Structure formats: C-alpha cells, structure tokens
Amino acid sequence: GTSFLIWDVGGQDKIRPLWRSYTRCTDGIVFVVDSVDIERLEEARCELHKTARLPENSQVPILVLANKQDLPGARDRAEIEQILGIAELGSTHLWHIQPACAITGEGLDEALENLYEMVLKQRRLSKSAKKKPR
C-alpha cells in the first residue's frame, strides 16, 4: 500500500503566491486545468511554467490533470500539451497529461498511478545521480 499526502490548493489569483510554500520538499505536483476554457488554459500555461521553474521544484514530476473531458469542446491530450508548452519545460521534469472528469472520476485512478510511477522513477534517477563519481 502506498499513501499520498495531497494538498488541494486553489487556483485563484490571491492564493497563487501561497503555492510555493506547498510545493517545498514535495515529491510530485498535480496541476489541474480546465480542458474547455482556452483563456484559462493560457493562464495555466504561465502559472505552470512559473511553478516548474522554481529551484525547489526542479526535477519534481508534474501530473497535468486535464479536467472536464466530459464537456463539448474539451481539448485532447495533444492539444493540452501544446497549449501548456510542456516541451518548453525541457528534460528537467518527468510529466504526464491525464484526461479526466472529476464528476465521474474517469481518469483519476490512472492519474495517481502515473504520478506514483513518476515519483518512483525520479527517486531512482536521483539515487543513481548521487552514486556517480564526480
């Protein structure tokens, strides 16, 4: 059995400055986006990049939960990847985009399984990097 300690921190403007204190010493980040609202997706891109580029978040795996997949006009995984500029994050982060619907729960189990696998992989990578002689 694996357990997660998860903080649900809202995305409102006034709360965003607090994100940094929640991501300190974290093993993974779940970044939830609205797959339908293009304006919010563009805003999410900016916030995702800010969060990912914080020194304390370097190499922290990122799970993007593409919510509201049940609604008409929901962007698919490839569109979300492009809009969020995931490739621009470079190779410093393991990442996964998971289409989901919070109302039905569709995609949520797969999302957490992917996050778990990324965290384990990052831990192995970190251990092997520490063992390499300099």
C-alpha atoms as a PDB file:
ATOM      1  CA  GLY A   1       0.000   0.000   0.000  1.00  0.00           C
ATOM      2  CA  THR A   2       1.144   3.433  -0.915  1.00  0.00           C
ATOM      3  CA  SER A   3      -0.242   6.572   0.615  1.00  0.00           C
ATOM      4  CA  PHE A   4      -0.176  10.125  -0.665  1.00  0.00           C
ATOM      5  CA  LEU A   5      -0.346  13.328   1.317  1.00  0.00           C
ATOM      6  CA  ILE A   6      -2.140  15.708  -1.017  1.00  0.00           C
ATOM      7  CA  TRP A   7      -2.706  19.420  -0.565  1.00  0.00           C
ATOM      8  CA  ASP A   8      -5.572  20.897  -2.571  1.00  0.00           C
ATOM      9  CA  VAL A   9      -4.595  24.495  -3.171  1.00  0.00           C
ATOM     10  CA  GLY A  10      -6.985  26.655  -5.185  1.00  0.00           C
ATOM     11  CA  GLY A  11      -6.033  28.456  -8.361  1.00  0.00           C
ATOM     12  CA  GLN A  12      -7.468  31.888  -7.581  1.00  0.00           C
ATOM     13  CA  ASP A  13      -5.127  34.855  -8.105  1.00  0.00           C
ATOM     14  CA  LYS A  14      -4.932  35.720  -4.405  1.00  0.00           C
ATOM     15  CA  ILE A  15      -3.946  32.145  -3.461  1.00  0.00           C
ATOM     16  CA  ARG A  16      -1.197  31.633  -6.061  1.00  0.00           C
ATOM     17  CA  PRO A  17       1.555  33.314  -4.007  1.00  0.00           C
ATOM     18  CA  LEU A  18       0.989  30.570  -1.408  1.00  0.00           C
ATOM     19  CA  TRP A  19       1.692  27.750  -3.888  1.00  0.00           C
ATOM     20  CA  ARG A  20       5.421  27.973  -3.305  1.00  0.00           C
ATOM     21  CA  SER A  21       5.076  27.088   0.371  1.00  0.00           C
ATOM     22  CA  TYR A  22       3.035  23.997  -0.541  1.00  0.00           C
ATOM     23  CA  THR A  23       5.467  22.714  -3.172  1.00  0.00           C
ATOM     24  CA  ARG A  24       8.556  22.936  -0.971  1.00  0.00           C
ATOM     25  CA  CYS A  25      10.027  19.451  -0.367  1.00  0.00           C
ATOM     26  CA  THR A  26       7.375  17.783  -2.499  1.00  0.00           C
ATOM     27  CA  ASP A  27       7.700  14.562  -4.476  1.00  0.00           C
ATOM     28  CA  GLY A  28       5.144  15.450  -7.153  1.00  0.00           C
ATOM     29  CA  ILE A  29       2.849  18.173  -8.403  1.00  0.00           C
ATOM     30  CA  VAL A  30      -0.695  17.673  -9.675  1.00  0.00           C
ATOM     31  CA  PHE A  31      -1.662  20.654 -11.815  1.00  0.00           C
ATOM     32  CA  VAL A  32      -5.383  20.663 -12.665  1.00  0.00           C
ATOM     33  CA  VAL A  33      -6.561  22.504 -15.771  1.00  0.00           C
ATOM     34  CA  ASP A  34      -9.960  23.153 -17.339  1.00  0.00           C
ATOM     35  CA  SER A  35      -9.768  21.424 -20.729  1.00  0.00           C
ATOM     36  CA  VAL A  36     -12.567  23.547 -22.181  1.00  0.00           C
ATOM     37  CA  ASP A  37     -11.659  27.149 -21.263  1.00  0.00           C
ATOM     38  CA  ILE A  38      -8.916  28.333 -23.651  1.00  0.00           C
ATOM     39  CA  GLU A  39      -8.310  31.615 -21.784  1.00  0.00           C
ATOM     40  CA  ARG A  40      -7.755  29.782 -18.517  1.00  0.00           C
ATOM     41  CA  LEU A  41      -5.523  27.248 -20.284  1.00  0.00           C
ATOM     42  CA  GLU A  42      -3.291  30.068 -21.487  1.00  0.00           C
ATOM     43  CA  GLU A  43      -3.207  31.491 -17.963  1.00  0.00           C
ATOM     44  CA  ALA A  44      -2.495  27.995 -16.626  1.00  0.00           C
ATOM     45  CA  ARG A  45       0.473  27.731 -19.001  1.00  0.00           C
ATOM     46  CA  CYS A  46       2.073  30.781 -17.414  1.00  0.00           C
ATOM     47  CA  GLU A  47       1.445  29.537 -13.865  1.00  0.00           C
ATOM     48  CA  LEU A  48       2.634  26.008 -14.648  1.00  0.00           C
ATOM     49  CA  HIS A  49       5.911  27.312 -16.050  1.00  0.00           C
ATOM     50  CA  LYS A  50       6.402  29.641 -13.061  1.00  0.00           C
ATOM     51  CA  THR A  51       5.843  26.745 -10.669  1.00  0.00           C
ATOM     52  CA  ALA A  52       8.025  24.294 -12.597  1.00  0.00           C
ATOM     53  CA  ARG A  53      10.915  26.759 -12.817  1.00  0.00           C
ATOM     54  CA  LEU A  54      11.161  27.375  -9.078  1.00  0.00           C
ATOM     55  CA  PRO A  55      14.528  25.993  -7.921  1.00  0.00           C
ATOM     56  CA  GLU A  56      12.894  23.824  -5.253  1.00  0.00           C
ATOM     57  CA  ASN A  57      10.700  22.230  -7.936  1.00  0.00           C
ATOM     58  CA  SER A  58      13.469  21.312 -10.336  1.00  0.00           C
ATOM     59  CA  GLN A  59      13.142  17.637 -11.228  1.00  0.00           C
ATOM     60  CA  VAL A  60       9.794  17.293  -9.422  1.00  0.00           C
ATOM     61  CA  PRO A  61       7.413  15.168 -11.552  1.00  0.00           C
ATOM     62  CA  ILE A  62       4.370  17.019 -12.849  1.00  0.00           C
ATOM     63  CA  LEU A  63       0.989  15.435 -13.484  1.00  0.00           C
ATOM     64  CA  VAL A  64      -1.330  17.666 -15.505  1.00  0.00           C
ATOM     65  CA  LEU A  65      -4.908  16.646 -14.840  1.00  0.00           C
ATOM     66  CA  ALA A  66      -6.912  17.763 -17.882  1.00  0.00           C
ATOM     67  CA  ASN A  67     -10.333  18.050 -16.256  1.00  0.00           C
ATOM     68  CA  LYS A  68     -13.818  18.418 -17.770  1.00  0.00           C
ATOM     69  CA  GLN A  69     -13.245  15.880 -20.528  1.00  0.00           C
ATOM     70  CA  ASP A  70     -16.983  15.139 -20.401  1.00  0.00           C
ATOM     71  CA  LEU A  71     -17.842  18.560 -21.840  1.00  0.00           C
ATOM     72  CA  PRO A  72     -18.114  19.530 -25.505  1.00  0.00           C
ATOM     73  CA  GLY A  73     -15.028  21.361 -26.725  1.00  0.00           C
ATOM     74  CA  ALA A  74     -12.662  19.682 -24.277  1.00  0.00           C
ATOM     75  CA  ARG A  75      -9.127  19.690 -25.669  1.00  0.00           C
ATOM     76  CA  ASP A  76      -7.410  16.330 -26.037  1.00  0.00           C
ATOM     77  CA  ARG A  77      -4.050  15.377 -24.558  1.00  0.00           C
ATOM     78  CA  ALA A  78      -2.020  16.593 -27.567  1.00  0.00           C
ATOM     79  CA  GLU A  79      -3.768  19.980 -27.619  1.00  0.00           C
ATOM     80  CA  ILE A  80      -3.279  20.423 -23.869  1.00  0.00           C
ATOM     81  CA  GLU A  81       0.412  19.562 -24.252  1.00  0.00           C
ATOM     82  CA  GLN A  82       0.806  22.161 -26.989  1.00  0.00           C
ATOM     83  CA  ILE A  83      -1.217  24.914 -25.282  1.00  0.00           C
ATOM     84  CA  LEU A  84       0.650  24.442 -21.989  1.00  0.00           C
ATOM     85  CA  GLY A  85       4.021  24.376 -23.746  1.00  0.00           C
ATOM     86  CA  ILE A  86       5.057  21.195 -21.962  1.00  0.00           C
ATOM     87  CA  ALA A  87       8.026  20.678 -24.309  1.00  0.00           C
ATOM     88  CA  GLU A  88       9.430  24.020 -23.110  1.00  0.00           C
ATOM     89  CA  LEU A  89       9.876  22.559 -19.632  1.00  0.00           C
ATOM     90  CA  GLY A  90      12.748  20.573 -21.106  1.00  0.00           C
ATOM     91  CA  SER A  91      14.058  17.352 -19.676  1.00  0.00           C
ATOM     92  CA  THR A  92      14.207  18.604 -16.080  1.00  0.00           C
ATOM     93  CA  HIS A  93      10.759  17.229 -15.251  1.00  0.00           C
ATOM     94  CA  LEU A  94       9.034  13.927 -15.726  1.00  0.00           C
ATOM     95  CA  TRP A  95       5.494  14.783 -16.743  1.00  0.00           C
ATOM     96  CA  HIS A  96       2.226  13.203 -17.780  1.00  0.00           C
ATOM     97  CA  ILE A  97      -1.045  14.651 -19.038  1.00  0.00           C
ATOM     98  CA  GLN A  98      -4.094  12.714 -17.884  1.00  0.00           C
ATOM     99  CA  PRO A  99      -7.513  13.441 -19.385  1.00  0.00           C
ATOM    100  CA  ALA A 100     -10.085  13.265 -16.586  1.00  0.00           C
ATOM    101  CA  CYS A 101     -13.544  14.105 -15.365  1.00  0.00           C
ATOM    102  CA  ALA A 102     -13.758  14.992 -11.686  1.00  0.00           C
ATOM    103  CA  ILE A 103     -17.537  14.496 -11.648  1.00  0.00           C
ATOM    104  CA  THR A 104     -17.447  10.866 -12.839  1.00  0.00           C
ATOM    105  CA  GLY A 105     -13.962  10.050 -11.547  1.00  0.00           C
ATOM    106  CA  GLU A 106     -12.856   8.944 -15.008  1.00  0.00           C
ATOM    107  CA  GLY A 107      -9.078   9.123 -15.365  1.00  0.00           C
ATOM    108  CA  LEU A 108      -8.366   9.794 -11.686  1.00  0.00           C
ATOM    109  CA  ASP A 109      -7.060   6.327 -10.796  1.00  0.00           C
ATOM    110  CA  GLU A 110      -4.794   6.321 -13.860  1.00  0.00           C
ATOM    111  CA  ALA A 111      -3.612   9.812 -12.928  1.00  0.00           C
ATOM    112  CA  LEU A 112      -2.481   8.767  -9.458  1.00  0.00           C
ATOM    113  CA  GLU A 113      -0.893   5.589 -10.821  1.00  0.00           C
ATOM    114  CA  ASN A 114       1.110   7.688 -13.281  1.00  0.00           C
ATOM    115  CA  LEU A 115       2.123  10.128 -10.560  1.00  0.00           C
ATOM    116  CA  TYR A 116       3.257   7.240  -8.365  1.00  0.00           C
ATOM    117  CA  GLU A 117       5.360   5.760 -11.197  1.00  0.00           C
ATOM    118  CA  MET A 118       6.938   9.139 -11.967  1.00  0.00           C
ATOM    119  CA  VAL A 119       7.819   9.720  -8.304  1.00  0.00           C
ATOM    120  CA  LEU A 120       9.450   6.271  -8.083  1.00  0.00           C
ATOM    121  CA  LYS A 121      11.367   6.860 -11.313  1.00  0.00           C
ATOM    122  CA  GLN A 122      12.582  10.276 -10.137  1.00  0.00           C
ATOM    123  CA  ARG A 123      13.752   8.781  -6.835  1.00  0.00           C
ATOM    124  CA  ARG A 124      15.728   6.113  -8.727  1.00  0.00           C
ATOM    125  CA  LEU A 125      17.241   8.759 -11.003  1.00  0.00           C
ATOM    126  CA  SER A 126      18.204  10.909  -8.019  1.00  0.00           C
ATOM    127  CA  LYS A 127      19.811   7.957  -6.227  1.00  0.00           C
ATOM    128  CA  SER A 128      21.835   6.930  -9.271  1.00  0.00           C
ATOM    129  CA  ALA A 129      22.959  10.536  -9.841  1.00  0.00           C
ATOM    130  CA  LYS A 130      24.229  10.705  -6.243  1.00  0.00           C
ATOM    131  CA  LYS A 131      26.162   7.434  -6.651  1.00  0.00           C
ATOM    132  CA  LYS A 132      28.037   8.543  -9.782  1.00  0.00           C
ATOM    133  CA  PRO A 133      31.619   9.580  -9.015  1.00  0.00           C
ATOM    134  CA  ARG A 134      32.500  13.134  -9.919  1.00  0.00           C
END
